[in-house]
């Protein structure tokens, strides 16, 4: 699905794009007033385009191929964060403690326990 027609809807606050086989979310980067966003069940592997969504309080991205949460590190979501992903590292998860819900049961990491102890 091509999201280009959405790029100028800068006053949009709620957007649900669940289950649309979306792989490129870059047209959403201008939507800085979004507070609730559902991108579950798509084909995304990058969240870079979301880094400017400072008002985002509710975000869902279950069933995607996301490996990096760092684009969300500056966003202070208050309601919940729900993912099914394969992370390269879990380092960012500790900074997401302010979130009321993080579905950790579905994530897999691609690092060894040895890597985790090196960071301590």
PDB file of N, CA and C in Angstrom:
ATOM      1  N   UNK A   1       0.841  -1.176   0.000  1.00  0.00           N
ATOM      2  CA  UNK A   1       0.000   0.000   0.000  1.00  0.00           C
ATOM      3  C   UNK A   1       0.887   1.241   0.000  1.00  0.00           C
ATOM      4  N   UNK A   2       0.587   2.172  -0.847  1.00  0.00           N
ATOM      5  CA  UNK A   2       1.331   3.420  -0.951  1.00  0.00           C
ATOM      6  C   UNK A   2       0.727   4.450   0.004  1.00  0.00           C
ATOM      7  N   UNK A   3       1.523   4.938   0.938  1.00  0.00           N
ATOM      8  CA  UNK A   3       1.058   5.908   1.928  1.00  0.00           C
ATOM      9  C   UNK A   3       1.285   7.355   1.515  1.00  0.00           C
ATOM     10  N   UNK A   4       1.824   7.581   0.331  1.00  0.00           N
ATOM     11  CA  UNK A   4       2.124   8.932  -0.138  1.00  0.00           C
ATOM     12  C   UNK A   4       0.933   9.883  -0.035  1.00  0.00           C
ATOM     13  N   UNK A   5      -0.293   9.473  -0.367  1.00  0.00           N
ATOM     14  CA  UNK A   5      -1.427  10.402  -0.250  1.00  0.00           C
ATOM     15  C   UNK A   5      -1.670  10.908   1.181  1.00  0.00           C
ATOM     16  N   UNK A   6      -1.124  10.247   2.177  1.00  0.00           N
ATOM     17  CA  UNK A   6      -1.327  10.663   3.569  1.00  0.00           C
ATOM     18  C   UNK A   6      -0.322  11.711   4.042  1.00  0.00           C
ATOM     19  N   UNK A   7       0.748  11.924   3.304  1.00  0.00           N
ATOM     20  CA  UNK A   7       1.859  12.735   3.793  1.00  0.00           C
ATOM     21  C   UNK A   7       1.513  14.186   4.120  1.00  0.00           C
ATOM     22  N   UNK A   8       0.464  14.735   3.532  1.00  0.00           N
ATOM     23  CA  UNK A   8       0.108  16.130   3.808  1.00  0.00           C
ATOM     24  C   UNK A   8      -1.013  16.291   4.824  1.00  0.00           C
ATOM     25  N   UNK A   9      -1.432  15.212   5.451  1.00  0.00           N
ATOM     26  CA  UNK A   9      -2.496  15.274   6.457  1.00  0.00           C
ATOM     27  C   UNK A   9      -1.880  15.581   7.826  1.00  0.00           C
ATOM     28  N   UNK A  10      -1.234  16.737   7.918  1.00  0.00           N
ATOM     29  CA  UNK A  10      -0.427  17.054   9.095  1.00  0.00           C
ATOM     30  C   UNK A  10      -1.236  17.250  10.375  1.00  0.00           C
ATOM     31  N   UNK A  11      -2.524  17.459  10.281  1.00  0.00           N
ATOM     32  CA  UNK A  11      -3.349  17.621  11.483  1.00  0.00           C
ATOM     33  C   UNK A  11      -3.961  16.310  11.965  1.00  0.00           C
ATOM     34  N   UNK A  12      -3.677  15.233  11.260  1.00  0.00           N
ATOM     35  CA  UNK A  12      -4.210  13.921  11.621  1.00  0.00           C
ATOM     36  C   UNK A  12      -3.685  13.500  12.992  1.00  0.00           C
ATOM     37  N   UNK A  13      -4.586  12.997  13.846  1.00  0.00           N
ATOM     38  CA  UNK A  13      -4.180  12.603  15.190  1.00  0.00           C
ATOM     39  C   UNK A  13      -4.274  11.102  15.435  1.00  0.00           C
ATOM     40  N   UNK A  14      -5.201  10.432  14.777  1.00  0.00           N
ATOM     41  CA  UNK A  14      -5.383   8.991  14.965  1.00  0.00           C
ATOM     42  C   UNK A  14      -5.331   8.311  13.604  1.00  0.00           C
ATOM     43  N   UNK A  15      -4.526   7.265  13.499  1.00  0.00           N
ATOM     44  CA  UNK A  15      -4.375   6.561  12.226  1.00  0.00           C
ATOM     45  C   UNK A  15      -4.243   5.063  12.480  1.00  0.00           C
ATOM     46  N   UNK A  16      -5.099   4.289  11.830  1.00  0.00           N
ATOM     47  CA  UNK A  16      -5.070   2.830  11.956  1.00  0.00           C
ATOM     48  C   UNK A  16      -4.839   2.236  10.570  1.00  0.00           C
ATOM     49  N   UNK A  17      -3.668   1.668  10.369  1.00  0.00           N
ATOM     50  CA  UNK A  17      -3.294   1.075   9.084  1.00  0.00           C
ATOM     51  C   UNK A  17      -2.990  -0.412   9.238  1.00  0.00           C
ATOM     52  N   UNK A  18      -3.637  -1.041  10.169  1.00  0.00           N
ATOM     53  CA  UNK A  18      -3.405  -2.456  10.450  1.00  0.00           C
ATOM     54  C   UNK A  18      -3.736  -3.331   9.248  1.00  0.00           C
ATOM     55  N   UNK A  19      -2.846  -4.287   8.969  1.00  0.00           N
ATOM     56  CA  UNK A  19      -3.094  -5.314   7.965  1.00  0.00           C
ATOM     57  C   UNK A  19      -3.152  -4.845   6.528  1.00  0.00           C
ATOM     58  N   UNK A  20      -2.248  -3.959   6.130  1.00  0.00           N
ATOM     59  CA  UNK A  20      -2.250  -3.437   4.762  1.00  0.00           C
ATOM     60  C   UNK A  20      -0.996  -3.764   3.961  1.00  0.00           C
ATOM     61  N   UNK A  21      -0.159  -4.668   4.453  1.00  0.00           N
ATOM     62  CA  UNK A  21       1.071  -5.075   3.762  1.00  0.00           C
ATOM     63  C   UNK A  21       2.003  -3.892   3.492  1.00  0.00           C
ATOM     64  N   UNK A  22       2.057  -2.967   4.423  1.00  0.00           N
ATOM     65  CA  UNK A  22       2.880  -1.764   4.290  1.00  0.00           C
ATOM     66  C   UNK A  22       4.325  -2.088   4.658  1.00  0.00           C
ATOM     67  N   UNK A  23       5.249  -1.694   3.783  1.00  0.00           N
ATOM     68  CA  UNK A  23       6.666  -1.870   4.094  1.00  0.00           C
ATOM     69  C   UNK A  23       7.369  -0.518   4.249  1.00  0.00           C
ATOM     70  N   UNK A  24       6.889   0.503   3.565  1.00  0.00           N
ATOM     71  CA  UNK A  24       7.508   1.832   3.621  1.00  0.00           C
ATOM     72  C   UNK A  24       6.574   2.811   4.327  1.00  0.00           C
ATOM     73  N   UNK A  25       6.995   3.268   5.507  1.00  0.00           N
ATOM     74  CA  UNK A  25       6.171   4.230   6.241  1.00  0.00           C
ATOM     75  C   UNK A  25       6.758   5.646   6.184  1.00  0.00           C
ATOM     76  N   UNK A  26       7.734   5.877   5.314  1.00  0.00           N
ATOM     77  CA  UNK A  26       8.369   7.196   5.229  1.00  0.00           C
ATOM     78  C   UNK A  26       7.384   8.332   4.937  1.00  0.00           C
ATOM     79  N   UNK A  27       6.294   8.129   4.174  1.00  0.00           N
ATOM     80  CA  UNK A  27       5.352   9.233   3.977  1.00  0.00           C
ATOM     81  C   UNK A  27       4.674   9.703   5.269  1.00  0.00           C
ATOM     82  N   UNK A  28       4.755   8.916   6.324  1.00  0.00           N
ATOM     83  CA  UNK A  28       4.141   9.302   7.593  1.00  0.00           C
ATOM     84  C   UNK A  28       5.018  10.255   8.407  1.00  0.00           C
ATOM     85  N   UNK A  29       6.234  10.488   7.985  1.00  0.00           N
ATOM     86  CA  UNK A  29       7.176  11.292   8.771  1.00  0.00           C
ATOM     87  C   UNK A  29       6.697  12.721   9.014  1.00  0.00           C
ATOM     88  N   UNK A  30       5.854  13.259   8.152  1.00  0.00           N
ATOM     89  CA  UNK A  30       5.324  14.620   8.321  1.00  0.00           C
ATOM     90  C   UNK A  30       4.171  14.694   9.308  1.00  0.00           C
ATOM     91  N   UNK A  31       3.634  13.572   9.711  1.00  0.00           N
ATOM     92  CA  UNK A  31       2.440  13.546  10.555  1.00  0.00           C
ATOM     93  C   UNK A  31       2.820  13.689  12.031  1.00  0.00           C
ATOM     94  N   UNK A  32       3.328  14.837  12.380  1.00  0.00           N
ATOM     95  CA  UNK A  32       3.876  15.067  13.720  1.00  0.00           C
ATOM     96  C   UNK A  32       2.806  15.250  14.798  1.00  0.00           C
ATOM     97  N   UNK A  33       1.545  15.346  14.420  1.00  0.00           N
ATOM     98  CA  UNK A  33       0.467  15.506  15.398  1.00  0.00           C
ATOM     99  C   UNK A  33      -0.225  14.193  15.749  1.00  0.00           C
ATOM    100  N   UNK A  34       0.280  13.099  15.217  1.00  0.00           N
ATOM    101  CA  UNK A  34      -0.301  11.782  15.511  1.00  0.00           C
ATOM    102  C   UNK A  34      -0.139  11.472  17.000  1.00  0.00           C
ATOM    103  N   UNK A  35      -1.239  11.047  17.626  1.00  0.00           N
ATOM    104  CA  UNK A  35      -1.183  10.621  19.028  1.00  0.00           C
ATOM    105  C   UNK A  35      -1.410   9.116  19.156  1.00  0.00           C
ATOM    106  N   UNK A  36      -2.171   8.545  18.237  1.00  0.00           N
ATOM    107  CA  UNK A  36      -2.445   7.100  18.262  1.00  0.00           C
ATOM    108  C   UNK A  36      -2.189   6.530  16.875  1.00  0.00           C
ATOM    109  N   UNK A  37      -1.352   5.481  16.816  1.00  0.00           N
ATOM    110  CA  UNK A  37      -0.961   4.896  15.538  1.00  0.00           C
ATOM    111  C   UNK A  37      -0.923   3.376  15.645  1.00  0.00           C
ATOM    112  N   UNK A  38      -1.623   2.722  14.740  1.00  0.00           N
ATOM    113  CA  UNK A  38      -1.623   1.258  14.692  1.00  0.00           C
ATOM    114  C   UNK A  38      -1.074   0.823  13.339  1.00  0.00           C
ATOM    115  N   UNK A  39       0.072   0.178  13.363  1.00  0.00           N
ATOM    116  CA  UNK A  39       0.715  -0.335  12.152  1.00  0.00           C
ATOM    117  C   UNK A  39       0.903  -1.848  12.236  1.00  0.00           C
ATOM    118  N   UNK A  40       0.077  -2.504  13.020  1.00  0.00           N
ATOM    119  CA  UNK A  40       0.188  -3.955  13.205  1.00  0.00           C
ATOM    120  C   UNK A  40      -0.083  -4.717  11.916  1.00  0.00           C
ATOM    121  N   UNK A  41       0.492  -5.916  11.844  1.00  0.00           N
ATOM    122  CA  UNK A  41       0.269  -6.849  10.734  1.00  0.00           C
ATOM    123  C   UNK A  41       0.591  -6.232   9.380  1.00  0.00           C
ATOM    124  N   UNK A  42       1.777  -5.665   9.284  1.00  0.00           N
ATOM    125  CA  UNK A  42       2.276  -5.140   8.022  1.00  0.00           C
ATOM    126  C   UNK A  42       3.629  -5.782   7.734  1.00  0.00           C
ATOM    127  N   UNK A  43       4.434  -5.169   6.891  1.00  0.00           N
ATOM    128  CA  UNK A  43       5.730  -5.740   6.522  1.00  0.00           C
ATOM    129  C   UNK A  43       6.863  -4.755   6.785  1.00  0.00           C
ATOM    130  N   UNK A  44       6.720  -3.982   7.840  1.00  0.00           N
ATOM    131  CA  UNK A  44       7.716  -2.963   8.168  1.00  0.00           C
ATOM    132  C   UNK A  44       8.931  -3.585   8.837  1.00  0.00           C
ATOM    133  N   UNK A  45      10.092  -2.995   8.559  1.00  0.00           N
ATOM    134  CA  UNK A  45      11.294  -3.404   9.277  1.00  0.00           C
ATOM    135  C   UNK A  45      12.024  -2.205   9.871  1.00  0.00           C
ATOM    136  N   UNK A  46      11.529  -1.006   9.627  1.00  0.00           N
ATOM    137  CA  UNK A  46      12.169   0.200  10.149  1.00  0.00           C
ATOM    138  C   UNK A  46      11.129   1.163  10.715  1.00  0.00           C
ATOM    139  N   UNK A  47      11.495   1.799  11.818  1.00  0.00           N
ATOM    140  CA  UNK A  47      10.628   2.799  12.448  1.00  0.00           C
ATOM    141  C   UNK A  47      11.229   4.201  12.353  1.00  0.00           C
ATOM    142  N   UNK A  48      12.256   4.384  11.541  1.00  0.00           N
ATOM    143  CA  UNK A  48      12.951   5.669  11.435  1.00  0.00           C
ATOM    144  C   UNK A  48      12.008   6.831  11.160  1.00  0.00           C
ATOM    145  N   UNK A  49      10.997   6.620  10.362  1.00  0.00           N
ATOM    146  CA  UNK A  49      10.078   7.696   9.984  1.00  0.00           C
ATOM    147  C   UNK A  49       9.206   8.175  11.136  1.00  0.00           C
ATOM    148  N   UNK A  50       9.194   7.456  12.234  1.00  0.00           N
ATOM    149  CA  UNK A  50       8.346   7.823  13.369  1.00  0.00           C
ATOM    150  C   UNK A  50       9.061   8.693  14.397  1.00  0.00           C
ATOM    151  N   UNK A  51      10.335   8.910  14.244  1.00  0.00           N
ATOM    152  CA  UNK A  51      11.123   9.598  15.270  1.00  0.00           C
ATOM    153  C   UNK A  51      10.648  11.022  15.557  1.00  0.00           C
ATOM    154  N   UNK A  52       9.977  11.670  14.626  1.00  0.00           N
ATOM    155  CA  UNK A  52       9.482  13.032  14.833  1.00  0.00           C
ATOM    156  C   UNK A  52       8.100  13.109  15.448  1.00  0.00           C
ATOM    157  N   UNK A  53       7.493  11.979  15.726  1.00  0.00           N
ATOM    158  CA  UNK A  53       6.131  11.949  16.283  1.00  0.00           C
ATOM    159  C   UNK A  53       6.178  12.080  17.802  1.00  0.00           C
ATOM    160  N   UNK A  54       6.530  13.244  18.283  1.00  0.00           N
ATOM    161  CA  UNK A  54       6.725  13.488  19.715  1.00  0.00           C
ATOM    162  C   UNK A  54       5.429  13.426  20.515  1.00  0.00           C
ATOM    163  N   UNK A  55       4.274  13.557  19.869  1.00  0.00           N
ATOM    164  CA  UNK A  55       2.986  13.519  20.567  1.00  0.00           C
ATOM    165  C   UNK A  55       2.406  12.110  20.654  1.00  0.00           C
ATOM    166  N   UNK A  56       3.088  11.150  20.055  1.00  0.00           N
ATOM    167  CA  UNK A  56       2.605   9.772  20.022  1.00  0.00           C
ATOM    168  C   UNK A  56       2.517   9.201  21.438  1.00  0.00           C
ATOM    169  N   UNK A  57       1.313   8.768  21.824  1.00  0.00           N
ATOM    170  CA  UNK A  57       1.132   8.186  23.157  1.00  0.00           C
ATOM    171  C   UNK A  57       0.710   6.729  23.084  1.00  0.00           C
ATOM    172  N   UNK A  58       0.172   6.316  21.964  1.00  0.00           N
ATOM    173  CA  UNK A  58      -0.269   4.932  21.806  1.00  0.00           C
ATOM    174  C   UNK A  58       0.226   4.418  20.464  1.00  0.00           C
ATOM    175  N   UNK A  59       0.981   3.319  20.506  1.00  0.00           N
ATOM    176  CA  UNK A  59       1.565   2.784  19.276  1.00  0.00           C
ATOM    177  C   UNK A  59       1.496   1.273  19.288  1.00  0.00           C
ATOM    178  N   UNK A  60       1.017   0.723  18.202  1.00  0.00           N
ATOM    179  CA  UNK A  60       0.965  -0.731  18.037  1.00  0.00           C
ATOM    180  C   UNK A  60       1.687  -1.101  16.744  1.00  0.00           C
ATOM    181  N   UNK A  61       2.514  -2.134  16.846  1.00  0.00           N
ATOM    182  CA  UNK A  61       3.228  -2.611  15.665  1.00  0.00           C
ATOM    183  C   UNK A  61       3.452  -4.115  15.756  1.00  0.00           C
ATOM    184  N   UNK A  62       2.434  -4.834  16.159  1.00  0.00           N
ATOM    185  CA  UNK A  62       2.510  -6.290  16.276  1.00  0.00           C
ATOM    186  C   UNK A  62       2.613  -6.897  14.879  1.00  0.00           C
ATOM    187  N   UNK A  63       3.337  -7.989  14.756  1.00  0.00           N
ATOM    188  CA  UNK A  63       3.475  -8.743  13.506  1.00  0.00           C
ATOM    189  C   UNK A  63       4.117  -7.919  12.391  1.00  0.00           C
ATOM    190  N   UNK A  64       5.330  -7.477  12.642  1.00  0.00           N
ATOM    191  CA  UNK A  64       6.172  -6.814  11.658  1.00  0.00           C
ATOM    192  C   UNK A  64       7.576  -7.397  11.784  1.00  0.00           C
ATOM    193  N   UNK A  65       8.502  -6.941  10.966  1.00  0.00           N
ATOM    194  CA  UNK A  65       9.883  -7.428  11.012  1.00  0.00           C
ATOM    195  C   UNK A  65      10.817  -6.375  11.599  1.00  0.00           C
ATOM    196  N   UNK A  66      10.410  -5.755  12.677  1.00  0.00           N
ATOM    197  CA  UNK A  66      11.165  -4.673  13.295  1.00  0.00           C
ATOM    198  C   UNK A  66      12.340  -5.246  14.091  1.00  0.00           C
ATOM    199  N   UNK A  67      13.528  -4.685  13.856  1.00  0.00           N
ATOM    200  CA  UNK A  67      14.714  -5.140  14.579  1.00  0.00           C
ATOM    201  C   UNK A  67      15.342  -4.042  15.423  1.00  0.00           C
ATOM    202  N   UNK A  68      14.872  -2.807  15.288  1.00  0.00           N
ATOM    203  CA  UNK A  68      15.504  -1.686  15.980  1.00  0.00           C
ATOM    204  C   UNK A  68      14.443  -0.726  16.510  1.00  0.00           C
ATOM    205  N   UNK A  69      14.440  -0.517  17.817  1.00  0.00           N
ATOM    206  CA  UNK A  69      13.491   0.406  18.431  1.00  0.00           C
ATOM    207  C   UNK A  69      14.084   1.793  18.671  1.00  0.00           C
ATOM    208  N   UNK A  70      15.337   2.015  18.334  1.00  0.00           N
ATOM    209  CA  UNK A  70      15.992   3.280  18.660  1.00  0.00           C
ATOM    210  C   UNK A  70      15.283   4.521  18.110  1.00  0.00           C
ATOM    211  N   UNK A  71      14.596   4.487  16.962  1.00  0.00           N
ATOM    212  CA  UNK A  71      13.882   5.685  16.525  1.00  0.00           C
ATOM    213  C   UNK A  71      12.801   6.142  17.516  1.00  0.00           C
ATOM    214  N   UNK A  72      12.385   5.260  18.414  1.00  0.00           N
ATOM    215  CA  UNK A  72      11.365   5.609  19.400  1.00  0.00           C
ATOM    216  C   UNK A  72      11.966   6.121  20.706  1.00  0.00           C
ATOM    217  N   UNK A  73      13.272   6.165  20.797  1.00  0.00           N
ATOM    218  CA  UNK A  73      13.924   6.481  22.071  1.00  0.00           C
ATOM    219  C   UNK A  73      13.617   7.881  22.586  1.00  0.00           C
ATOM    220  N   UNK A  74      13.273   8.813  21.733  1.00  0.00           N
ATOM    221  CA  UNK A  74      12.977  10.179  22.176  1.00  0.00           C
ATOM    222  C   UNK A  74      11.486  10.429  22.371  1.00  0.00           C
ATOM    223  N   UNK A  75      10.678   9.435  22.101  1.00  0.00           N
ATOM    224  CA  UNK A  75       9.227   9.576  22.240  1.00  0.00           C
ATOM    225  C   UNK A  75       8.811   9.024  23.596  1.00  0.00           C
ATOM    226  N   UNK A  76       8.073   9.807  24.347  1.00  0.00           N
ATOM    227  CA  UNK A  76       7.651   9.391  25.687  1.00  0.00           C
ATOM    228  C   UNK A  76       6.209   8.911  25.656  1.00  0.00           C
ATOM    229  N   UNK A  77       6.016   7.717  25.138  1.00  0.00           N
ATOM    230  CA  UNK A  77       4.676   7.137  25.090  1.00  0.00           C
ATOM    231  C   UNK A  77       4.207   6.813  26.494  1.00  0.00           C
ATOM    232  N   UNK A  78       2.963   7.124  26.780  1.00  0.00           N
ATOM    233  CA  UNK A  78       2.441   6.925  28.123  1.00  0.00           C
ATOM    234  C   UNK A  78       1.456   5.772  28.228  1.00  0.00           C
ATOM    235  N   UNK A  79       0.850   5.355  27.157  1.00  0.00           N
ATOM    236  CA  UNK A  79      -0.216   4.370  27.272  1.00  0.00           C
ATOM    237  C   UNK A  79       0.307   2.957  27.099  1.00  0.00           C
ATOM    238  N   UNK A  80       0.765   2.586  25.943  1.00  0.00           N
ATOM    239  CA  UNK A  80       1.378   1.276  25.788  1.00  0.00           C
ATOM    240  C   UNK A  80       2.115   1.150  24.474  1.00  0.00           C
ATOM    241  N   UNK A  81       2.922   0.151  24.454  1.00  0.00           N
ATOM    242  CA  UNK A  81       3.740  -0.158  23.299  1.00  0.00           C
ATOM    243  C   UNK A  81       3.630  -1.654  23.115  1.00  0.00           C
ATOM    244  N   UNK A  82       3.256  -2.094  21.948  1.00  0.00           N
ATOM    245  CA  UNK A  82       3.002  -3.516  21.759  1.00  0.00           C
ATOM    246  C   UNK A  82       3.700  -3.982  20.486  1.00  0.00           C
ATOM    247  N   UNK A  83       4.620  -4.917  20.623  1.00  0.00           N
ATOM    248  CA  UNK A  83       5.411  -5.372  19.487  1.00  0.00           C
ATOM    249  C   UNK A  83       5.502  -6.883  19.411  1.00  0.00           C
ATOM    250  N   UNK A  84       5.761  -7.350  18.250  1.00  0.00           N
ATOM    251  CA  UNK A  84       6.254  -8.697  18.019  1.00  0.00           C
ATOM    252  C   UNK A  84       7.440  -8.477  17.091  1.00  0.00           C
ATOM    253  N   UNK A  85       8.633  -8.689  17.572  1.00  0.00           N
ATOM    254  CA  UNK A  85       9.794  -8.274  16.800  1.00  0.00           C
ATOM    255  C   UNK A  85      10.996  -9.166  17.036  1.00  0.00           C
ATOM    256  N   UNK A  86      12.032  -8.931  16.273  1.00  0.00           N
ATOM    257  CA  UNK A  86      13.315  -9.606  16.448  1.00  0.00           C
ATOM    258  C   UNK A  86      14.365  -8.522  16.632  1.00  0.00           C
ATOM    259  N   UNK A  87      14.684  -8.220  17.863  1.00  0.00           N
ATOM    260  CA  UNK A  87      15.624  -7.148  18.156  1.00  0.00           C
ATOM    261  C   UNK A  87      17.066  -7.611  18.048  1.00  0.00           C
ATOM    262  N   UNK A  88      17.927  -6.691  17.657  1.00  0.00           N
ATOM    263  CA  UNK A  88      19.358  -6.955  17.670  1.00  0.00           C
ATOM    264  C   UNK A  88      19.874  -6.905  19.105  1.00  0.00           C
ATOM    265  N   UNK A  89      19.283  -6.065  19.930  1.00  0.00           N
ATOM    266  CA  UNK A  89      19.651  -5.921  21.341  1.00  0.00           C
ATOM    267  C   UNK A  89      18.436  -5.455  22.125  1.00  0.00           C
ATOM    268  N   UNK A  90      18.423  -5.732  23.404  1.00  0.00           N
ATOM    269  CA  UNK A  90      17.303  -5.292  24.238  1.00  0.00           C
ATOM    270  C   UNK A  90      17.641  -4.018  25.002  1.00  0.00           C
ATOM    271  N   UNK A  91      18.731  -3.371  24.702  1.00  0.00           N
ATOM    272  CA  UNK A  91      19.169  -2.188  25.442  1.00  0.00           C
ATOM    273  C   UNK A  91      18.094  -1.109  25.515  1.00  0.00           C
ATOM    274  N   UNK A  92      17.388  -0.871  24.440  1.00  0.00           N
ATOM    275  CA  UNK A  92      16.384   0.188  24.441  1.00  0.00           C
ATOM    276  C   UNK A  92      15.181  -0.151  25.306  1.00  0.00           C
ATOM    277  N   UNK A  93      14.914  -1.412  25.530  1.00  0.00           N
ATOM    278  CA  UNK A  93      13.743  -1.792  26.323  1.00  0.00           C
ATOM    279  C   UNK A  93      13.784  -1.186  27.718  1.00  0.00           C
ATOM    280  N   UNK A  94      14.960  -1.028  28.287  1.00  0.00           N
ATOM    281  CA  UNK A  94      15.048  -0.447  29.626  1.00  0.00           C
ATOM    282  C   UNK A  94      14.626   1.008  29.635  1.00  0.00           C
ATOM    283  N   UNK A  95      14.797   1.721  28.536  1.00  0.00           N
ATOM    284  CA  UNK A  95      14.385   3.123  28.481  1.00  0.00           C
ATOM    285  C   UNK A  95      12.892   3.273  28.227  1.00  0.00           C
ATOM    286  N   UNK A  96      12.212   2.180  27.969  1.00  0.00           N
ATOM    287  CA  UNK A  96      10.778   2.235  27.699  1.00  0.00           C
ATOM    288  C   UNK A  96       9.952   1.905  28.941  1.00  0.00           C
ATOM    289  N   UNK A  97      10.537   2.025  30.105  1.00  0.00           N
ATOM    290  CA  UNK A  97       9.852   1.662  31.346  1.00  0.00           C
ATOM    291  C   UNK A  97       8.625   2.506  31.636  1.00  0.00           C
ATOM    292  N   UNK A  98       8.546   3.714  31.108  1.00  0.00           N
ATOM    293  CA  UNK A  98       7.394   4.560  31.381  1.00  0.00           C
ATOM    294  C   UNK A  98       6.130   4.043  30.705  1.00  0.00           C
ATOM    295  N   UNK A  99       6.270   3.105  29.809  1.00  0.00           N
ATOM    296  CA  UNK A  99       5.114   2.562  29.108  1.00  0.00           C
ATOM    297  C   UNK A  99       4.366   1.581  29.990  1.00  0.00           C
ATOM    298  N   UNK A 100       3.064   1.656  29.950  1.00  0.00           N
ATOM    299  CA  UNK A 100       2.239   0.808  30.785  1.00  0.00           C
ATOM    300  C   UNK A 100       2.178  -0.629  30.281  1.00  0.00           C
ATOM    301  N   UNK A 101       2.415  -0.855  29.000  1.00  0.00           N
ATOM    302  CA  UNK A 101       2.333  -2.210  28.478  1.00  0.00           C
ATOM    303  C   UNK A 101       3.319  -2.383  27.348  1.00  0.00           C
ATOM    304  N   UNK A 102       4.180  -3.331  27.496  1.00  0.00           N
ATOM    305  CA  UNK A 102       5.105  -3.714  26.434  1.00  0.00           C
ATOM    306  C   UNK A 102       5.010  -5.220  26.325  1.00  0.00           C
ATOM    307  N   UNK A 103       4.499  -5.708  25.231  1.00  0.00           N
ATOM    308  CA  UNK A 103       4.312  -7.141  25.065  1.00  0.00           C
ATOM    309  C   UNK A 103       5.662  -7.786  24.800  1.00  0.00           C
ATOM    310  N   UNK A 104       6.323  -8.189  25.853  1.00  0.00           N
ATOM    311  CA  UNK A 104       7.654  -8.770  25.730  1.00  0.00           C
ATOM    312  C   UNK A 104       7.616 -10.262  25.444  1.00  0.00           C
ATOM    313  N   UNK A 105       6.477 -10.876  25.578  1.00  0.00           N
ATOM    314  CA  UNK A 105       6.412 -12.320  25.415  1.00  0.00           C
ATOM    315  C   UNK A 105       6.617 -12.753  23.975  1.00  0.00           C
ATOM    316  N   UNK A 106       6.458 -11.856  23.035  1.00  0.00           N
ATOM    317  CA  UNK A 106       6.557 -12.241  21.639  1.00  0.00           C
ATOM    318  C   UNK A 106       7.868 -11.829  20.986  1.00  0.00           C
ATOM    319  N   UNK A 107       8.767 -11.198  21.737  1.00  0.00           N
ATOM    320  CA  UNK A 107       9.977 -10.772  21.050  1.00  0.00           C
ATOM    321  C   UNK A 107      11.077 -11.811  21.140  1.00  0.00           C
ATOM    322  N   UNK A 108      11.930 -11.770  20.152  1.00  0.00           N
ATOM    323  CA  UNK A 108      13.110 -12.618  20.117  1.00  0.00           C
ATOM    324  C   UNK A 108      14.299 -11.697  19.921  1.00  0.00           C
ATOM    325  N   UNK A 109      15.403 -12.017  20.542  1.00  0.00           N
ATOM    326  CA  UNK A 109      16.586 -11.197  20.355  1.00  0.00           C
ATOM    327  C   UNK A 109      17.650 -11.973  19.611  1.00  0.00           C
ATOM    328  N   UNK A 110      18.479 -11.238  18.906  1.00  0.00           N
ATOM    329  CA  UNK A 110      19.559 -11.839  18.138  1.00  0.00           C
ATOM    330  C   UNK A 110      20.893 -11.466  18.784  1.00  0.00           C
ATOM    331  N   UNK A 111      21.052 -11.829  20.039  1.00  0.00           N
ATOM    332  CA  UNK A 111      22.309 -11.601  20.725  1.00  0.00           C
ATOM    333  C   UNK A 111      22.489 -12.717  21.737  1.00  0.00           C
ATOM    334  N   UNK A 112      23.706 -12.863  22.208  1.00  0.00           N
ATOM    335  CA  UNK A 112      23.967 -13.926  23.178  1.00  0.00           C
ATOM    336  C   UNK A 112      23.957 -13.354  24.588  1.00  0.00           C
ATOM    337  N   UNK A 113      23.860 -14.230  25.585  1.00  0.00           N
ATOM    338  CA  UNK A 113      23.916 -13.781  26.970  1.00  0.00           C
ATOM    339  C   UNK A 113      25.261 -13.132  27.261  1.00  0.00           C
ATOM    340  N   UNK A 114      26.293 -13.567  26.578  1.00  0.00           N
ATOM    341  CA  UNK A 114      27.619 -12.982  26.752  1.00  0.00           C
ATOM    342  C   UNK A 114      27.606 -11.506  26.368  1.00  0.00           C
ATOM    343  N   UNK A 115      26.900 -11.146  25.288  1.00  0.00           N
ATOM    344  CA  UNK A 115      26.790  -9.754  24.868  1.00  0.00           C
ATOM    345  C   UNK A 115      26.130  -8.918  25.958  1.00  0.00           C
ATOM    346  N   UNK A 116      25.128  -9.477  26.621  1.00  0.00           N
ATOM    347  CA  UNK A 116      24.408  -8.756  27.668  1.00  0.00           C
ATOM    348  C   UNK A 116      25.312  -8.476  28.861  1.00  0.00           C
ATOM    349  N   UNK A 117      26.145  -9.435  29.242  1.00  0.00           N
ATOM    350  CA  UNK A 117      27.020  -9.235  30.398  1.00  0.00           C
ATOM    351  C   UNK A 117      28.144  -8.256  30.092  1.00  0.00           C
ATOM    352  N   UNK A 118      28.518  -8.111  28.845  1.00  0.00           N
ATOM    353  CA  UNK A 118      29.549  -7.139  28.463  1.00  0.00           C
ATOM    354  C   UNK A 118      29.072  -5.718  28.703  1.00  0.00           C
ATOM    355  N   UNK A 119      27.752  -5.482  28.555  1.00  0.00           N
ATOM    356  CA  UNK A 119      27.210  -4.144  28.736  1.00  0.00           C
ATOM    357  C   UNK A 119      27.048  -3.758  30.192  1.00  0.00           C
ATOM    358  N   UNK A 120      27.265  -4.692  31.119  1.00  0.00           N
ATOM    359  CA  UNK A 120      27.074  -4.402  32.556  1.00  0.00           C
ATOM    360  C   UNK A 120      28.321  -3.833  33.178  1.00  0.00           C
TER     361      UNK A 120
END
